[in-house]
PDB file of N, CA and C in Angstrom:
ATOM      1  N   MET A   1     -21.546   7.336  49.433  1.00  0.00           N
ATOM      2  CA  MET A   1     -20.593   7.994  50.289  1.00  0.00           C
ATOM      3  C   MET A   1     -19.841   9.044  49.468  1.00  0.00           C
ATOM      4  N   PRO A   2     -19.764  10.300  49.952  1.00  0.00           N
ATOM      5  CA  PRO A   2     -19.063  11.344  49.183  1.00  0.00           C
ATOM      6  C   PRO A   2     -17.564  11.066  49.147  1.00  0.00           C
ATOM      7  N   PRO A   3     -16.901  11.541  48.065  1.00  0.00           N
ATOM      8  CA  PRO A   3     -15.459  11.322  47.987  1.00  0.00           C
ATOM      9  C   PRO A   3     -14.739  12.022  49.129  1.00  0.00           C
ATOM     10  N   LYS A   4     -13.685  11.376  49.589  1.00  0.00           N
ATOM     11  CA  LYS A   4     -12.889  11.936  50.676  1.00  0.00           C
ATOM     12  C   LYS A   4     -12.088  13.128  50.150  1.00  0.00           C
ATOM     13  N   GLU A   5     -12.105  14.214  50.904  1.00  0.00           N
ATOM     14  CA  GLU A   5     -11.362  15.414  50.509  1.00  0.00           C
ATOM     15  C   GLU A   5      -9.873  15.133  50.618  1.00  0.00           C
ATOM     16  N   ASP A   6      -9.109  15.611  49.637  1.00  0.00           N
ATOM     17  CA  ASP A   6      -7.666  15.405  49.627  1.00  0.00           C
ATOM     18  C   ASP A   6      -7.001  16.367  50.602  1.00  0.00           C
ATOM     19  N   SER A   7      -6.561  15.843  51.730  1.00  0.00           N
ATOM     20  CA  SER A   7      -5.950  16.699  52.756  1.00  0.00           C
ATOM     21  C   SER A   7      -4.489  17.003  52.458  1.00  0.00           C
ATOM     22  N   SER A   8      -3.933  16.409  51.396  1.00  0.00           N
ATOM     23  CA  SER A   8      -2.529  16.666  51.089  1.00  0.00           C
ATOM     24  C   SER A   8      -2.330  18.018  50.414  1.00  0.00           C
ATOM     25  N   ILE A   9      -3.401  18.630  49.927  1.00  0.00           N
ATOM     26  CA  ILE A   9      -3.279  19.931  49.276  1.00  0.00           C
ATOM     27  C   ILE A   9      -3.918  20.975  50.177  1.00  0.00           C
ATOM     28  N   SER A  10      -3.076  21.670  50.924  1.00  0.00           N
ATOM     29  CA  SER A  10      -3.548  22.728  51.815  1.00  0.00           C
ATOM     30  C   SER A  10      -2.380  23.645  52.115  1.00  0.00           C
ATOM     31  N   PRO A  11      -2.651  24.856  52.604  1.00  0.00           N
ATOM     32  CA  PRO A  11      -1.545  25.759  52.909  1.00  0.00           C
ATOM     33  C   PRO A  11      -0.553  25.175  53.907  1.00  0.00           C
ATOM     34  N   SER A  12      -0.998  24.307  54.808  1.00  0.00           N
ATOM     35  CA  SER A  12      -0.072  23.756  55.792  1.00  0.00           C
ATOM     36  C   SER A  12       0.679  22.541  55.257  1.00  0.00           C
ATOM     37  N   ASN A  13       0.254  21.993  54.145  1.00  0.00           N
ATOM     38  CA  ASN A  13       0.912  20.837  53.548  1.00  0.00           C
ATOM     39  C   ASN A  13       0.818  20.963  52.028  1.00  0.00           C
ATOM     40  N   PRO A  14       1.715  21.759  51.407  1.00  0.00           N
ATOM     41  CA  PRO A  14       1.583  22.028  49.974  1.00  0.00           C
ATOM     42  C   PRO A  14       1.713  20.758  49.150  1.00  0.00           C
ATOM     43  N   THR A  15       1.105  20.774  48.012  1.00  0.00           N
ATOM     44  CA  THR A  15       1.162  19.627  47.129  1.00  0.00           C
ATOM     45  C   THR A  15       2.600  19.282  46.768  1.00  0.00           C
ATOM     46  N   ASP A  16       2.873  18.010  46.683  1.00  0.00           N
ATOM     47  CA  ASP A  16       4.231  17.568  46.353  1.00  0.00           C
ATOM     48  C   ASP A  16       4.593  17.842  44.906  1.00  0.00           C
ATOM     49  N   LYS A  17       3.614  18.219  44.093  1.00  0.00           N
ATOM     50  CA  LYS A  17       3.889  18.446  42.676  1.00  0.00           C
ATOM     51  C   LYS A  17       4.979  19.495  42.459  1.00  0.00           C
ATOM     52  N   ILE A  18       5.010  20.526  43.287  1.00  0.00           N
ATOM     53  CA  ILE A  18       5.999  21.595  43.057  1.00  0.00           C
ATOM     54  C   ILE A  18       7.423  21.099  43.237  1.00  0.00           C
ATOM     55  N   TYR A  19       7.622  20.090  44.077  1.00  0.00           N
ATOM     56  CA  TYR A  19       8.969  19.578  44.321  1.00  0.00           C
ATOM     57  C   TYR A  19       9.512  18.789  43.137  1.00  0.00           C
ATOM     58  N   GLY A  20       8.634  18.359  42.262  1.00  0.00           N
ATOM     59  CA  GLY A  20       9.058  17.581  41.108  1.00  0.00           C
ATOM     60  C   GLY A  20       9.427  18.408  39.893  1.00  0.00           C
ATOM     61  N   ILE A  21       9.241  19.708  39.962  1.00  0.00           N
ATOM     62  CA  ILE A  21       9.550  20.556  38.810  1.00  0.00           C
ATOM     63  C   ILE A  21      11.013  20.974  38.886  1.00  0.00           C
ATOM     64  N   THR A  22      11.839  20.288  38.105  1.00  0.00           N
ATOM     65  CA  THR A  22      13.265  20.597  38.102  1.00  0.00           C
ATOM     66  C   THR A  22      13.670  21.418  36.892  1.00  0.00           C
ATOM     67  N   ASN A  23      12.800  21.473  35.890  1.00  0.00           N
ATOM     68  CA  ASN A  23      13.089  22.248  34.685  1.00  0.00           C
ATOM     69  C   ASN A  23      11.854  23.093  34.359  1.00  0.00           C
ATOM     70  N   ILE A  24      11.791  24.279  34.912  1.00  0.00           N
ATOM     71  CA  ILE A  24      10.628  25.152  34.745  1.00  0.00           C
ATOM     72  C   ILE A  24      10.373  25.493  33.277  1.00  0.00           C
ATOM     73  N   ILE A  25      11.411  25.467  32.464  1.00  0.00           N
ATOM     74  CA  ILE A  25      11.260  25.808  31.047  1.00  0.00           C
ATOM     75  C   ILE A  25      10.342  24.802  30.337  1.00  0.00           C
ATOM     76  N   SER A  26      10.221  23.607  30.874  1.00  0.00           N
ATOM     77  CA  SER A  26       9.290  22.628  30.313  1.00  0.00           C
ATOM     78  C   SER A  26       7.841  23.046  30.538  1.00  0.00           C
ATOM     79  N   TYR A  27       7.603  23.908  31.529  1.00  0.00           N
ATOM     80  CA  TYR A  27       6.254  24.341  31.886  1.00  0.00           C
ATOM     81  C   TYR A  27       5.968  25.768  31.413  1.00  0.00           C
ATOM     82  N   VAL A  28       6.948  26.627  31.529  1.00  0.00           N
ATOM     83  CA  VAL A  28       6.838  28.024  31.084  1.00  0.00           C
ATOM     84  C   VAL A  28       7.952  28.203  30.053  1.00  0.00           C
ATOM     85  N   SER A  29       7.620  28.033  28.795  1.00  0.00           N
ATOM     86  CA  SER A  29       8.646  27.925  27.755  1.00  0.00           C
ATOM     87  C   SER A  29       9.078  29.266  27.163  1.00  0.00           C
ATOM     88  N   LEU A  30       8.969  30.321  27.936  1.00  0.00           N
ATOM     89  CA  LEU A  30       9.338  31.641  27.449  1.00  0.00           C
ATOM     90  C   LEU A  30      10.331  32.270  28.427  1.00  0.00           C
ATOM     91  N   ILE A  31      11.506  32.613  27.930  1.00  0.00           N
ATOM     92  CA  ILE A  31      12.523  33.280  28.741  1.00  0.00           C
ATOM     93  C   ILE A  31      12.240  34.779  28.703  1.00  0.00           C
ATOM     94  N   LEU A  32      12.193  35.394  29.866  1.00  0.00           N
ATOM     95  CA  LEU A  32      11.964  36.841  29.938  1.00  0.00           C
ATOM     96  C   LEU A  32      13.234  37.552  29.505  1.00  0.00           C
ATOM     97  N   ASP A  33      13.105  38.406  28.489  1.00  0.00           N
ATOM     98  CA  ASP A  33      14.267  39.010  27.856  1.00  0.00           C
ATOM     99  C   ASP A  33      14.014  40.488  27.561  1.00  0.00           C
ATOM    100  N   ILE A  34      15.007  41.304  27.822  1.00  0.00           N
ATOM    101  CA  ILE A  34      14.910  42.746  27.561  1.00  0.00           C
ATOM    102  C   ILE A  34      14.734  43.011  26.066  1.00  0.00           C
ATOM    103  N   ASP A  35      15.526  42.329  25.246  1.00  0.00           N
ATOM    104  CA  ASP A  35      15.505  42.580  23.807  1.00  0.00           C
ATOM    105  C   ASP A  35      14.170  42.222  23.166  1.00  0.00           C
ATOM    106  N   ARG A  36      13.486  41.257  23.714  1.00  0.00           N
ATOM    107  CA  ARG A  36      12.205  40.832  23.132  1.00  0.00           C
ATOM    108  C   ARG A  36      11.022  41.596  23.709  1.00  0.00           C
ATOM    109  N   LEU A  37      11.233  42.262  24.809  1.00  0.00           N
ATOM    110  CA  LEU A  37      10.147  42.976  25.491  1.00  0.00           C
ATOM    111  C   LEU A  37       8.900  42.094  25.596  1.00  0.00           C
ATOM    112  N   ASN A  38       9.089  40.902  26.140  1.00  0.00           N
ATOM    113  CA  ASN A  38       8.023  39.917  26.205  1.00  0.00           C
ATOM    114  C   ASN A  38       7.452  39.761  27.618  1.00  0.00           C
ATOM    115  N   TYR A  39       7.555  40.817  28.405  1.00  0.00           N
ATOM    116  CA  TYR A  39       7.119  40.748  29.803  1.00  0.00           C
ATOM    117  C   TYR A  39       5.649  40.363  29.952  1.00  0.00           C
ATOM    118  N   ASP A  40       4.756  40.979  29.191  1.00  0.00           N
ATOM    119  CA  ASP A  40       3.324  40.707  29.356  1.00  0.00           C
ATOM    120  C   ASP A  40       2.990  39.238  29.082  1.00  0.00           C
ATOM    121  N   SER A  41       3.538  38.687  28.017  1.00  0.00           N
ATOM    122  CA  SER A  41       3.294  37.275  27.693  1.00  0.00           C
ATOM    123  C   SER A  41       3.919  36.375  28.745  1.00  0.00           C
ATOM    124  N   TRP A  42       5.165  36.673  29.116  1.00  0.00           N
ATOM    125  CA  TRP A  42       5.871  35.882  30.118  1.00  0.00           C
ATOM    126  C   TRP A  42       5.117  35.902  31.449  1.00  0.00           C
ATOM    127  N   LYS A  43       4.672  37.085  31.855  1.00  0.00           N
ATOM    128  CA  LYS A  43       3.955  37.227  33.115  1.00  0.00           C
ATOM    129  C   LYS A  43       2.697  36.357  33.136  1.00  0.00           C
ATOM    130  N   GLU A  44       1.946  36.369  32.061  1.00  0.00           N
ATOM    131  CA  GLU A  44       0.717  35.563  31.998  1.00  0.00           C
ATOM    132  C   GLU A  44       1.027  34.073  32.085  1.00  0.00           C
ATOM    133  N   LEU A  45       2.054  33.614  31.392  1.00  0.00           N
ATOM    134  CA  LEU A  45       2.432  32.199  31.449  1.00  0.00           C
ATOM    135  C   LEU A  45       2.890  31.807  32.850  1.00  0.00           C
ATOM    136  N   PHE A  46       3.728  32.629  33.466  1.00  0.00           N
ATOM    137  CA  PHE A  46       4.245  32.288  34.796  1.00  0.00           C
ATOM    138  C   PHE A  46       3.129  32.347  35.843  1.00  0.00           C
ATOM    139  N   LYS A  47       2.280  33.352  35.744  1.00  0.00           N
ATOM    140  CA  LYS A  47       1.160  33.482  36.676  1.00  0.00           C
ATOM    141  C   LYS A  47       0.238  32.261  36.572  1.00  0.00           C
ATOM    142  N   SER A  48      -0.082  31.849  35.360  1.00  0.00           N
ATOM    143  CA  SER A  48      -0.939  30.676  35.167  1.00  0.00           C
ATOM    144  C   SER A  48      -0.309  29.430  35.778  1.00  0.00           C
ATOM    145  N   HIS A  49       0.989  29.285  35.607  1.00  0.00           N
ATOM    146  CA  HIS A  49       1.700  28.145  36.190  1.00  0.00           C
ATOM    147  C   HIS A  49       1.583  28.176  37.720  1.00  0.00           C
ATOM    148  N   CYS A  50       1.840  29.320  38.309  1.00  0.00           N
ATOM    149  CA  CYS A  50       1.788  29.438  39.773  1.00  0.00           C
ATOM    150  C   CYS A  50       0.374  29.226  40.313  1.00  0.00           C
ATOM    151  N   LEU A  51      -0.629  29.713  39.606  1.00  0.00           N
ATOM    152  CA  LEU A  51      -2.007  29.486  40.026  1.00  0.00           C
ATOM    153  C   LEU A  51      -2.340  27.992  39.966  1.00  0.00           C
ATOM    154  N   GLY A  52      -1.906  27.329  38.923  1.00  0.00           N
ATOM    155  CA  GLY A  52      -2.158  25.901  38.777  1.00  0.00           C
ATOM    156  C   GLY A  52      -1.502  25.059  39.852  1.00  0.00           C
ATOM    157  N   TYR A  53      -0.356  25.509  40.340  1.00  0.00           N
ATOM    158  CA  TYR A  53       0.362  24.777  41.381  1.00  0.00           C
ATOM    159  C   TYR A  53       0.129  25.350  42.778  1.00  0.00           C
ATOM    160  N   GLU A  54      -0.834  26.234  42.880  1.00  0.00           N
ATOM    161  CA  GLU A  54      -1.270  26.809  44.155  1.00  0.00           C
ATOM    162  C   GLU A  54      -0.147  27.500  44.935  1.00  0.00           C
ATOM    163  N   VAL A  55       0.701  28.245  44.213  1.00  0.00           N
ATOM    164  CA  VAL A  55       1.775  28.987  44.871  1.00  0.00           C
ATOM    165  C   VAL A  55       1.758  30.473  44.495  1.00  0.00           C
ATOM    166  N   PHE A  56       0.687  30.924  43.853  1.00  0.00           N
ATOM    167  CA  PHE A  56       0.627  32.329  43.438  1.00  0.00           C
ATOM    168  C   PHE A  56       0.661  33.283  44.624  1.00  0.00           C
ATOM    169  N   ASP A  57       0.216  32.829  45.793  1.00  0.00           N
ATOM    170  CA  ASP A  57       0.259  33.687  46.981  1.00  0.00           C
ATOM    171  C   ASP A  57       1.686  34.127  47.293  1.00  0.00           C
ATOM    172  N   HIS A  58       2.681  33.388  46.853  1.00  0.00           N
ATOM    173  CA  HIS A  58       4.081  33.771  47.086  1.00  0.00           C
ATOM    174  C   HIS A  58       4.476  34.990  46.263  1.00  0.00           C
ATOM    175  N   LEU A  59       3.705  35.307  45.247  1.00  0.00           N
ATOM    176  CA  LEU A  59       3.994  36.479  44.423  1.00  0.00           C
ATOM    177  C   LEU A  59       3.249  37.717  44.894  1.00  0.00           C
ATOM    178  N   GLU A  60       2.293  37.554  45.801  1.00  0.00           N
ATOM    179  CA  GLU A  60       1.469  38.684  46.231  1.00  0.00           C
ATOM    180  C   GLU A  60       1.415  38.910  47.735  1.00  0.00           C
ATOM    181  N   THR A  61       1.859  37.964  48.532  1.00  0.00           N
ATOM    182  CA  THR A  61       1.737  38.059  49.986  1.00  0.00           C
ATOM    183  C   THR A  61       3.074  38.476  50.589  1.00  0.00           C
ATOM    184  N   PRO A  62       3.120  39.621  51.263  1.00  0.00           N
ATOM    185  CA  PRO A  62       4.400  40.120  51.775  1.00  0.00           C
ATOM    186  C   PRO A  62       4.979  39.321  52.940  1.00  0.00           C
ATOM    187  N   ASP A  63       4.149  38.704  53.735  1.00  0.00           N
ATOM    188  CA  ASP A  63       4.640  37.970  54.899  1.00  0.00           C
ATOM    189  C   ASP A  63       4.186  36.530  54.832  1.00  0.00           C
ATOM    190  N   PRO A  64       5.013  35.623  55.340  1.00  0.00           N
ATOM    191  CA  PRO A  64       4.599  34.219  55.374  1.00  0.00           C
ATOM    192  C   PRO A  64       3.284  34.054  56.132  1.00  0.00           C
ATOM    193  N   LEU A  65       2.452  33.191  55.603  1.00  0.00           N
ATOM    194  CA  LEU A  65       1.192  32.905  56.275  1.00  0.00           C
ATOM    195  C   LEU A  65       1.463  32.021  57.486  1.00  0.00           C
ATOM    196  N   PRO A  66       0.944  32.377  58.669  1.00  0.00           N
ATOM    197  CA  PRO A  66       1.251  31.603  59.876  1.00  0.00           C
ATOM    198  C   PRO A  66       0.783  30.154  59.794  1.00  0.00           C
ATOM    199  N   GLU A  67      -0.268  29.895  59.041  1.00  0.00           N
ATOM    200  CA  GLU A  67      -0.763  28.533  58.927  1.00  0.00           C
ATOM    201  C   GLU A  67      -0.017  27.724  57.852  1.00  0.00           C
ATOM    202  N   TYR A  68       1.062  28.255  57.342  1.00  0.00           N
ATOM    203  CA  TYR A  68       1.811  27.653  56.250  1.00  0.00           C
ATOM    204  C   TYR A  68       3.270  27.474  56.692  1.00  0.00           C
ATOM    205  N   PRO A  69       3.578  26.421  57.462  1.00  0.00           N
ATOM    206  CA  PRO A  69       4.916  26.267  58.033  1.00  0.00           C
ATOM    207  C   PRO A  69       6.031  26.076  56.999  1.00  0.00           C
ATOM    208  N   LEU A  70       5.704  25.651  55.801  1.00  0.00           N
ATOM    209  CA  LEU A  70       6.724  25.442  54.778  1.00  0.00           C
ATOM    210  C   LEU A  70       6.866  26.635  53.833  1.00  0.00           C
ATOM    211  N   TRP A  71       6.383  27.795  54.280  1.00  0.00           N
ATOM    212  CA  TRP A  71       6.386  28.993  53.427  1.00  0.00           C
ATOM    213  C   TRP A  71       7.764  29.265  52.830  1.00  0.00           C
ATOM    214  N   ASP A  72       8.796  29.306  53.666  1.00  0.00           N
ATOM    215  CA  ASP A  72      10.134  29.656  53.177  1.00  0.00           C
ATOM    216  C   ASP A  72      10.647  28.647  52.155  1.00  0.00           C
ATOM    217  N   LYS A  73      10.400  27.378  52.401  1.00  0.00           N
ATOM    218  CA  LYS A  73      10.851  26.346  51.473  1.00  0.00           C
ATOM    219  C   LYS A  73      10.162  26.505  50.118  1.00  0.00           C
ATOM    220  N   VAL A  74       8.852  26.682  50.120  1.00  0.00           N
ATOM    221  CA  VAL A  74       8.107  26.844  48.871  1.00  0.00           C
ATOM    222  C   VAL A  74       8.489  28.162  48.195  1.00  0.00           C
ATOM    223  N   ASP A  75       8.688  29.222  48.979  1.00  0.00           N
ATOM    224  CA  ASP A  75       9.088  30.512  48.412  1.00  0.00           C
ATOM    225  C   ASP A  75      10.418  30.380  47.668  1.00  0.00           C
ATOM    226  N   ASN A  76      11.327  29.611  48.211  1.00  0.00           N
ATOM    227  CA  ASN A  76      12.610  29.411  47.545  1.00  0.00           C
ATOM    228  C   ASN A  76      12.462  28.610  46.255  1.00  0.00           C
ATOM    229  N   ILE A  77      11.525  27.699  46.206  1.00  0.00           N
ATOM    230  CA  ILE A  77      11.267  26.973  44.958  1.00  0.00           C
ATOM    231  C   ILE A  77      10.719  27.935  43.909  1.00  0.00           C
ATOM    232  N   VAL A  78       9.782  28.800  44.301  1.00  0.00           N
ATOM    233  CA  VAL A  78       9.224  29.783  43.357  1.00  0.00           C
ATOM    234  C   VAL A  78      10.334  30.731  42.891  1.00  0.00           C
ATOM    235  N   LYS A  79      11.222  31.132  43.790  1.00  0.00           N
ATOM    236  CA  LYS A  79      12.368  31.973  43.398  1.00  0.00           C
ATOM    237  C   LYS A  79      13.237  31.257  42.368  1.00  0.00           C
ATOM    238  N   GLN A  80      13.501  29.980  42.580  1.00  0.00           N
ATOM    239  CA  GLN A  80      14.309  29.213  41.625  1.00  0.00           C
ATOM    240  C   GLN A  80      13.634  29.188  40.259  1.00  0.00           C
ATOM    241  N   TRP A  81      12.313  29.013  40.249  1.00  0.00           N
ATOM    242  CA  TRP A  81      11.582  29.038  38.977  1.00  0.00           C
ATOM    243  C   TRP A  81      11.778  30.379  38.289  1.00  0.00           C
ATOM    244  N   LEU A  82      11.617  31.468  39.051  1.00  0.00           N
ATOM    245  CA  LEU A  82      11.762  32.808  38.472  1.00  0.00           C
ATOM    246  C   LEU A  82      13.160  33.005  37.893  1.00  0.00           C
ATOM    247  N   TYR A  83      14.173  32.735  38.686  1.00  0.00           N
ATOM    248  CA  TYR A  83      15.544  32.947  38.233  1.00  0.00           C
ATOM    249  C   TYR A  83      15.871  32.116  36.992  1.00  0.00           C
ATOM    250  N   ALA A  84      15.302  30.927  36.886  1.00  0.00           N
ATOM    251  CA  ALA A  84      15.628  30.020  35.787  1.00  0.00           C
ATOM    252  C   ALA A  84      15.058  30.467  34.448  1.00  0.00           C
ATOM    253  N   ILE A  85      14.058  31.348  34.454  1.00  0.00           N
ATOM    254  CA  ILE A  85      13.457  31.751  33.184  1.00  0.00           C
ATOM    255  C   ILE A  85      13.662  33.236  32.887  1.00  0.00           C
ATOM    256  N   LEU A  86      14.767  33.758  33.405  1.00  0.00           N
ATOM    257  CA  LEU A  86      15.169  35.139  33.109  1.00  0.00           C
ATOM    258  C   LEU A  86      16.436  35.108  32.272  1.00  0.00           C
ATOM    259  N   SER A  87      16.522  35.989  31.287  1.00  0.00           N
ATOM    260  CA  SER A  87      17.777  36.114  30.556  1.00  0.00           C
ATOM    261  C   SER A  87      18.825  36.675  31.516  1.00  0.00           C
ATOM    262  N   GLN A  88      20.082  36.494  31.207  1.00  0.00           N
ATOM    263  CA  GLN A  88      21.153  36.979  32.083  1.00  0.00           C
ATOM    264  C   GLN A  88      21.083  38.486  32.334  1.00  0.00           C
ATOM    265  N   PRO A  89      20.841  39.318  31.313  1.00  0.00           N
ATOM    266  CA  PRO A  89      20.748  40.761  31.582  1.00  0.00           C
ATOM    267  C   PRO A  89      19.608  41.116  32.544  1.00  0.00           C
ATOM    268  N   VAL A  90      18.465  40.443  32.410  1.00  0.00           N
ATOM    269  CA  VAL A  90      17.349  40.710  33.321  1.00  0.00           C
ATOM    270  C   VAL A  90      17.720  40.250  34.722  1.00  0.00           C
ATOM    271  N   LEU A  91      18.253  39.044  34.831  1.00  0.00           N
ATOM    272  CA  LEU A  91      18.649  38.514  36.136  1.00  0.00           C
ATOM    273  C   LEU A  91      19.636  39.450  36.828  1.00  0.00           C
ATOM    274  N   GLN A  92      20.654  39.894  36.115  1.00  0.00           N
ATOM    275  CA  GLN A  92      21.666  40.776  36.708  1.00  0.00           C
ATOM    276  C   GLN A  92      21.079  42.127  37.119  1.00  0.00           C
ATOM    277  N   SER A  93      20.012  42.546  36.461  1.00  0.00           N
ATOM    278  CA  SER A  93      19.396  43.835  36.781  1.00  0.00           C
ATOM    279  C   SER A  93      18.512  43.806  38.017  1.00  0.00           C
ATOM    280  N   ILE A  94      17.966  42.640  38.347  1.00  0.00           N
ATOM    281  CA  ILE A  94      16.985  42.605  39.448  1.00  0.00           C
ATOM    282  C   ILE A  94      17.431  41.788  40.665  1.00  0.00           C
ATOM    283  N   ILE A  95      18.490  41.002  40.544  1.00  0.00           N
ATOM    284  CA  ILE A  95      18.858  40.111  41.645  1.00  0.00           C
ATOM    285  C   ILE A  95      19.410  40.906  42.829  1.00  0.00           C
ATOM    286  N   LYS A  96      18.909  40.562  44.000  1.00  0.00           N
ATOM    287  CA  LYS A  96      19.361  41.174  45.253  1.00  0.00           C
ATOM    288  C   LYS A  96      19.370  40.091  46.325  1.00  0.00           C
ATOM    289  N   PRO A  97      20.314  40.160  47.249  1.00  0.00           N
ATOM    290  CA  PRO A  97      20.367  39.141  48.306  1.00  0.00           C
ATOM    291  C   PRO A  97      19.089  39.119  49.146  1.00  0.00           C
ATOM    292  N   ASP A  98      18.726  37.940  49.564  1.00  0.00           N
ATOM    293  CA  ASP A  98      17.615  37.719  50.503  1.00  0.00           C
ATOM    294  C   ASP A  98      16.260  38.200  49.995  1.00  0.00           C
ATOM    295  N   SER A  99      16.069  38.223  48.683  1.00  0.00           N
ATOM    296  CA  SER A  99      14.776  38.609  48.122  1.00  0.00           C
ATOM    297  C   SER A  99      13.791  37.455  48.246  1.00  0.00           C
ATOM    298  N   SER A 100      12.541  37.805  48.439  1.00  0.00           N
ATOM    299  CA  SER A 100      11.474  36.798  48.406  1.00  0.00           C
ATOM    300  C   SER A 100      10.981  36.686  46.967  1.00  0.00           C
ATOM    301  N   ALA A 101      10.164  35.684  46.696  1.00  0.00           N
ATOM    302  CA  ALA A 101       9.564  35.564  45.367  1.00  0.00           C
ATOM    303  C   ALA A 101       8.748  36.813  45.052  1.00  0.00           C
ATOM    304  N   MET A 102       8.039  37.336  46.044  1.00  0.00           N
ATOM    305  CA  MET A 102       7.245  38.543  45.840  1.00  0.00           C
ATOM    306  C   MET A 102       8.144  39.740  45.504  1.00  0.00           C
ATOM    307  N   ASP A 103       9.300  39.844  46.149  1.00  0.00           N
ATOM    308  CA  ASP A 103      10.245  40.926  45.848  1.00  0.00           C
ATOM    309  C   ASP A 103      10.710  40.846  44.395  1.00  0.00           C
ATOM    310  N   ILE A 104      11.007  39.653  43.942  1.00  0.00           N
ATOM    311  CA  ILE A 104      11.478  39.452  42.567  1.00  0.00           C
ATOM    312  C   ILE A 104      10.367  39.790  41.579  1.00  0.00           C
ATOM    313  N   TRP A 105       9.158  39.307  41.863  1.00  0.00           N
ATOM    314  CA  TRP A 105       7.988  39.570  41.009  1.00  0.00           C
ATOM    315  C   TRP A 105       7.779  41.078  40.858  1.00  0.00           C
ATOM    316  N   GLY A 106       7.855  41.808  41.963  1.00  0.00           N
ATOM    317  CA  GLY A 106       7.688  43.257  41.948  1.00  0.00           C
ATOM    318  C   GLY A 106       8.821  43.959  41.227  1.00  0.00           C
ATOM    319  N   ALA A 107      10.054  43.478  41.432  1.00  0.00           N
ATOM    320  CA  ALA A 107      11.207  44.084  40.763  1.00  0.00           C
ATOM    321  C   ALA A 107      11.107  43.910  39.250  1.00  0.00           C
ATOM    322  N   LEU A 108      10.625  42.764  38.814  1.00  0.00           N
ATOM    323  CA  LEU A 108      10.455  42.540  37.372  1.00  0.00           C
ATOM    324  C   LEU A 108       9.399  43.475  36.794  1.00  0.00           C
ATOM    325  N   LYS A 109       8.302  43.632  37.503  1.00  0.00           N
ATOM    326  CA  LYS A 109       7.253  44.545  37.043  1.00  0.00           C
ATOM    327  C   LYS A 109       7.803  45.971  36.935  1.00  0.00           C
ATOM    328  N   ASP A 110       8.491  46.421  37.968  1.00  0.00           N
ATOM    329  CA  ASP A 110       9.060  47.775  37.970  1.00  0.00           C
ATOM    330  C   ASP A 110      10.082  47.946  36.847  1.00  0.00           C
ATOM    331  N   PHE A 111      10.942  46.959  36.671  1.00  0.00           N
ATOM    332  CA  PHE A 111      11.989  47.004  35.660  1.00  0.00           C
ATOM    333  C   PHE A 111      11.393  47.142  34.263  1.00  0.00           C
ATOM    334  N   PHE A 112      10.394  46.321  33.946  1.00  0.00           N
ATOM    335  CA  PHE A 112       9.825  46.361  32.601  1.00  0.00           C
ATOM    336  C   PHE A 112       8.882  47.543  32.401  1.00  0.00           C
ATOM    337  N   THR A 113       8.276  48.025  33.464  1.00  0.00           N
ATOM    338  CA  THR A 113       7.473  49.246  33.353  1.00  0.00           C
ATOM    339  C   THR A 113       8.384  50.422  33.013  1.00  0.00           C
ATOM    340  N   GLU A 114       9.533  50.474  33.657  1.00  0.00           N
ATOM    341  CA  GLU A 114      10.492  51.551  33.388  1.00  0.00           C
ATOM    342  C   GLU A 114      11.002  51.476  31.949  1.00  0.00           C
ATOM    343  N   ILE A 115      11.331  50.285  31.497  1.00  0.00           N
ATOM    344  CA  ILE A 115      11.812  50.128  30.105  1.00  0.00           C
ATOM    345  C   ILE A 115      10.717  50.543  29.125  1.00  0.00           C
ATOM    346  N   LYS A 116       9.496  50.117  29.396  1.00  0.00           N
ATOM    347  CA  LYS A 116       8.378  50.458  28.502  1.00  0.00           C
ATOM    348  C   LYS A 116       8.170  51.975  28.445  1.00  0.00           C
ATOM    349  N   ASN A 117       8.316  52.651  29.573  1.00  0.00           N
ATOM    350  CA  ASN A 117       8.151  54.100  29.631  1.00  0.00           C
ATOM    351  C   ASN A 117       9.293  54.837  28.928  1.00  0.00           C
ATOM    352  N   LEU A 118      10.468  54.238  28.859  1.00  0.00           N
ATOM    353  CA  LEU A 118      11.604  54.868  28.209  1.00  0.00           C
ATOM    354  C   LEU A 118      11.637  54.633  26.710  1.00  0.00           C
ATOM    355  N   LYS A 119      10.959  53.605  26.240  1.00  0.00           N
ATOM    356  CA  LYS A 119      10.966  53.252  24.824  1.00  0.00           C
ATOM    357  C   LYS A 119      10.216  54.311  24.024  1.00  0.00           C
ATOM    358  N   PRO A 120      10.846  54.872  22.995  1.00  0.00           N
ATOM    359  CA  PRO A 120      10.162  55.902  22.184  1.00  0.00           C
ATOM    360  C   PRO A 120       9.007  55.292  21.386  1.00  0.00           C
ATOM    361  N   LEU A 121       7.963  56.035  21.233  1.00  0.00           N
ATOM    362  CA  LEU A 121       6.819  55.590  20.430  1.00  0.00           C
ATOM    363  C   LEU A 121       7.127  55.822  18.971  1.00  0.00           C
ATOM    364  N   ASN A 122       6.742  54.882  18.125  1.00  0.00           N
ATOM    365  CA  ASN A 122       6.995  55.022  16.677  1.00  0.00           C
ATOM    366  C   ASN A 122       5.841  55.686  15.998  1.00  0.00           C
TER     367      ASN A 122
END
């Protein structure tokens, strides 16, 4: 008899694993910081974490998926993860009311692209 498919992991019923992450720094141990210019490394670590927990769509999908009734709840968890691993100067530069996780992800990319373009070449 083939193994039964796990119906608890689907867009309409996200895995409970994400609800247990109360300290994102234990999973993504790099704080995004202007002074360190560590955006590329930080982005790869955070992206890998989100892919592993099946929430990366919150960083790329502009509208909630209709088949995903808990979209807003999960999006807010991803936002909490993002905010928790930003240095205060970065957080103060990108935070805006009512942003989605995708809005924050895009704002971080834009912010660090601008800084990289302004940095003089040695």
